[in-house]
Amino acid sequence: MNIRAAGPADVAAIAAVHCAAALTAYAHIFPRDAEAPTPESLAPQYAALLNDPDAAVFVAEDSEVIGCVALHPNADVPSSWLFSRLYVTPSRWRFGIGAELHDRVLDTARARKLKTLHLWTLEANDRARAIYERRGWQLVPGRRLVNGDFDPPIEDVLYAIQLDRTPTPERWSTYPR
């Protein structure tokens, strides 16, 4: 597996990975009749990220793109920097790909001398929350409504990580490198 910076040619593949992962990971969160994302609906968001000169978007690939993650400025979080869009093709879950992508973003943030990062994740996404918490992320005050049309409404919760206090990945990774 290789992790590299994403480019414009990767937009469709990244959107497809995001879509497949979201449909699998969020199946227990969103009602069956909720409008599902499509690669076509997600592609413009990735194109915009790749056009942001301050953003860093990475892909994991073997013979094809199998994961993605982004680091980008965001004025709506206290640090002004957001860790986002960590998605891995479901058939490749539990192989350490997400951990490698996570670590690449933290390394990039440290290289940019950032002290803190934030991320939003669905409150009901217990699997992702457990992964982030094992990696040093801490729940902080902050919520945002994702979709209020459902009962109960679907909300994101906010996490932060202090980069200058978090061990480097080699000290806490549970996956072989």
Protein backbone atom coordinates (compact mmCIF):
# COMPACT_ATOMS: atom_id res chain seq x y z
CA MET A 1 0.00 0.00 0.00
CA ASN A 2 1.12 3.52 -0.78
CA ILE A 3 -0.05 6.83 0.70
CA ARG A 4 0.39 9.90 -1.46
CA ALA A 5 -0.96 13.38 -1.97
CA ALA A 6 -4.18 13.33 -3.95
CA GLY A 7 -4.54 15.18 -7.21
CA PRO A 8 -7.44 16.25 -9.44
CA ALA A 9 -7.39 12.92 -11.27
CA ASP A 10 -8.30 11.19 -7.98
CA VAL A 11 -11.61 13.00 -7.38
CA ALA A 12 -13.89 10.28 -8.78
CA ALA A 13 -12.05 7.48 -6.98
CA ILE A 14 -12.02 9.36 -3.67
CA ALA A 15 -15.74 10.12 -3.96
CA ALA A 16 -16.43 6.43 -4.66
CA VAL A 17 -14.47 5.35 -1.57
CA HIS A 18 -16.26 7.96 0.57
CA CYS A 19 -19.65 6.83 -0.71
CA ALA A 20 -19.03 3.10 -0.15
CA ALA A 21 -17.61 3.67 3.34
CA ALA A 22 -20.38 6.05 4.39
CA LEU A 23 -23.15 3.75 3.17
CA THR A 24 -21.66 0.90 5.19
CA ALA A 25 -20.58 2.77 8.32
CA TYR A 26 -23.71 4.89 8.65
CA ALA A 27 -26.33 2.27 7.75
CA HIS A 28 -27.37 1.97 11.40
CA ILE A 29 -27.50 5.75 11.86
CA PHE A 30 -29.51 7.06 8.91
CA PRO A 31 -33.03 5.78 8.20
CA ARG A 32 -33.42 3.48 5.22
CA ASP A 33 -35.44 6.11 3.37
CA ALA A 34 -32.78 8.81 3.79
CA GLU A 35 -31.29 10.14 0.59
CA ALA A 36 -28.01 8.30 0.09
CA PRO A 37 -24.86 10.02 -1.09
CA THR A 38 -23.53 9.19 -4.51
CA PRO A 39 -20.00 9.54 -5.86
CA GLU A 40 -21.36 12.22 -8.18
CA SER A 41 -22.81 14.22 -5.27
CA LEU A 42 -19.56 13.99 -3.30
CA ALA A 43 -17.10 14.74 -6.10
CA PRO A 44 -17.53 18.55 -6.08
CA GLN A 45 -16.58 18.67 -2.38
CA TYR A 46 -13.32 16.84 -3.10
CA ALA A 47 -12.62 18.97 -6.17
CA ALA A 48 -12.98 22.07 -3.97
CA LEU A 49 -10.64 20.64 -1.32
CA LEU A 50 -8.03 19.82 -3.93
CA ASN A 51 -8.24 23.39 -5.23
CA ASP A 52 -7.58 24.82 -1.76
CA PRO A 53 -3.86 25.62 -1.58
CA ASP A 54 -3.88 25.23 2.22
CA ALA A 55 -5.56 21.82 2.21
CA ALA A 56 -3.72 18.52 2.22
CA VAL A 57 -5.64 15.55 0.83
CA PHE A 58 -4.11 12.09 0.87
CA VAL A 59 -5.09 8.79 -0.68
CA ALA A 60 -4.13 5.24 0.16
CA GLU A 61 -3.78 3.02 -2.86
CA ASP A 62 -2.67 -0.39 -3.91
CA SER A 63 -3.84 -1.13 -7.43
CA GLU A 64 -6.58 1.47 -6.88
CA VAL A 65 -7.57 4.17 -4.38
CA ILE A 66 -8.75 2.45 -1.19
CA GLY A 67 -8.77 5.31 1.32
CA CYS A 68 -8.69 9.07 1.75
CA VAL A 69 -8.30 11.78 4.38
CA ALA A 70 -8.03 15.58 4.43
CA LEU A 71 -6.52 18.36 6.51
CA HIS A 72 -7.83 21.81 5.77
CA PRO A 73 -8.57 25.21 7.26
CA ASN A 74 -12.02 25.65 8.77
CA ALA A 75 -13.11 28.80 10.55
CA ASP A 76 -15.91 26.97 12.38
CA VAL A 77 -13.61 25.07 14.76
CA PRO A 78 -11.49 26.61 17.53
CA SER A 79 -8.13 25.59 16.03
CA SER A 80 -9.17 26.74 12.55
CA TRP A 81 -7.88 23.38 11.23
CA LEU A 82 -10.03 20.37 10.50
CA PHE A 83 -9.09 16.72 10.17
CA SER A 84 -11.82 15.32 7.92
CA ARG A 85 -13.03 12.78 5.43
CA LEU A 86 -11.23 9.71 6.72
CA TYR A 87 -12.77 6.93 4.66
CA VAL A 88 -11.52 3.48 3.71
CA THR A 89 -13.11 0.98 1.33
CA PRO A 90 -15.14 -1.32 3.63
CA SER A 91 -13.51 -4.51 2.36
CA ARG A 92 -10.19 -3.08 3.54
CA TRP A 93 -11.29 -2.10 7.06
CA ARG A 94 -9.16 -3.43 9.93
CA PHE A 95 -5.95 -3.59 7.89
CA GLY A 96 -4.45 -0.41 9.36
CA ILE A 97 -5.15 1.76 6.31
CA GLY A 98 -7.20 4.28 8.29
CA ALA A 99 -4.44 4.40 10.93
CA GLU A 100 -1.83 5.14 8.27
CA LEU A 101 -3.96 7.90 6.77
CA HIS A 102 -4.65 9.32 10.24
CA ASP A 103 -0.94 9.35 11.04
CA ARG A 104 -0.07 11.07 7.75
CA VAL A 105 -2.42 13.95 8.55
CA LEU A 106 -1.03 14.34 12.07
CA ASP A 107 2.53 14.28 10.71
CA THR A 108 1.56 16.92 8.14
CA ALA A 109 -0.07 19.08 10.81
CA ARG A 110 3.03 18.81 13.01
CA ALA A 111 5.25 19.73 10.06
CA ARG A 112 3.08 22.83 9.60
CA LYS A 113 3.65 23.63 13.32
CA LEU A 114 -0.04 23.28 14.17
CA LYS A 115 -0.71 22.71 17.85
CA THR A 116 -4.32 21.53 17.77
CA LEU A 117 -6.65 19.88 15.26
CA HIS A 118 -10.38 19.34 15.40
CA LEU A 119 -12.71 16.85 13.79
CA TRP A 120 -16.43 16.33 13.58
CA THR A 121 -17.92 12.86 13.69
CA LEU A 122 -21.46 11.58 13.93
CA GLU A 123 -22.50 11.26 17.55
CA ALA A 124 -23.93 7.78 16.88
CA ASN A 125 -20.81 6.57 15.05
CA ASP A 126 -19.48 4.60 18.01
CA ARG A 127 -16.90 2.75 15.91
CA ALA A 128 -15.22 5.91 14.65
CA ARG A 129 -15.43 7.60 18.03
CA ALA A 130 -13.68 4.67 19.70
CA ILE A 131 -10.93 4.73 17.07
CA TYR A 132 -10.35 8.46 17.52
CA GLU A 133 -10.37 8.22 21.30
CA ARG A 134 -7.78 5.41 21.22
CA ARG A 135 -5.60 7.68 19.13
CA GLY A 136 -5.68 10.55 21.61
CA TRP A 137 -8.63 12.64 20.41
CA GLN A 138 -10.77 14.12 23.18
CA LEU A 139 -14.42 15.06 23.06
CA VAL A 140 -14.77 18.83 23.51
CA PRO A 141 -17.82 21.11 23.71
CA GLY A 142 -19.39 21.46 20.31
CA ARG A 143 -22.29 19.96 18.41
CA ARG A 144 -23.79 20.57 15.01
CA LEU A 145 -26.97 19.38 13.42
CA VAL A 146 -26.38 17.06 10.46
CA ASN A 147 -30.01 16.34 9.73
CA GLY A 148 -32.98 17.48 11.79
CA ASP A 149 -35.56 15.75 9.59
CA PHE A 150 -35.15 12.46 11.45
CA ASP A 151 -36.29 11.40 14.89
CA PRO A 152 -34.00 11.58 16.70
CA PRO A 153 -32.08 14.29 14.82
CA ILE A 154 -28.60 13.31 13.62
CA GLU A 155 -25.80 15.37 15.10
CA ASP A 156 -22.02 15.61 14.93
CA VAL A 157 -19.84 15.96 18.01
CA LEU A 158 -16.51 17.78 18.12
CA TYR A 159 -13.15 16.26 19.01
CA ALA A 160 -9.74 17.88 19.45
CA ILE A 161 -6.20 16.60 19.63
CA GLN A 162 -3.23 18.46 21.07
CA LEU A 163 -0.42 17.65 18.66
CA ASP A 164 2.36 18.72 20.98
CA ARG A 165 1.07 16.31 23.68
CA THR A 166 0.20 13.31 21.53
CA PRO A 167 2.81 10.55 21.18
CA THR A 168 4.18 10.05 17.70
CA PRO A 169 2.48 7.27 15.75
CA GLU A 170 5.32 4.76 16.22
CA ARG A 171 4.68 4.78 19.97
CA TRP A 172 0.98 3.96 19.83
CA SER A 173 0.08 2.37 16.54
CA THR A 174 -1.55 -1.03 16.96
CA TYR A 175 -0.97 -2.02 13.36
CA PRO A 176 2.23 -3.34 11.80
CA ARG A 177 3.94 -0.95 9.45
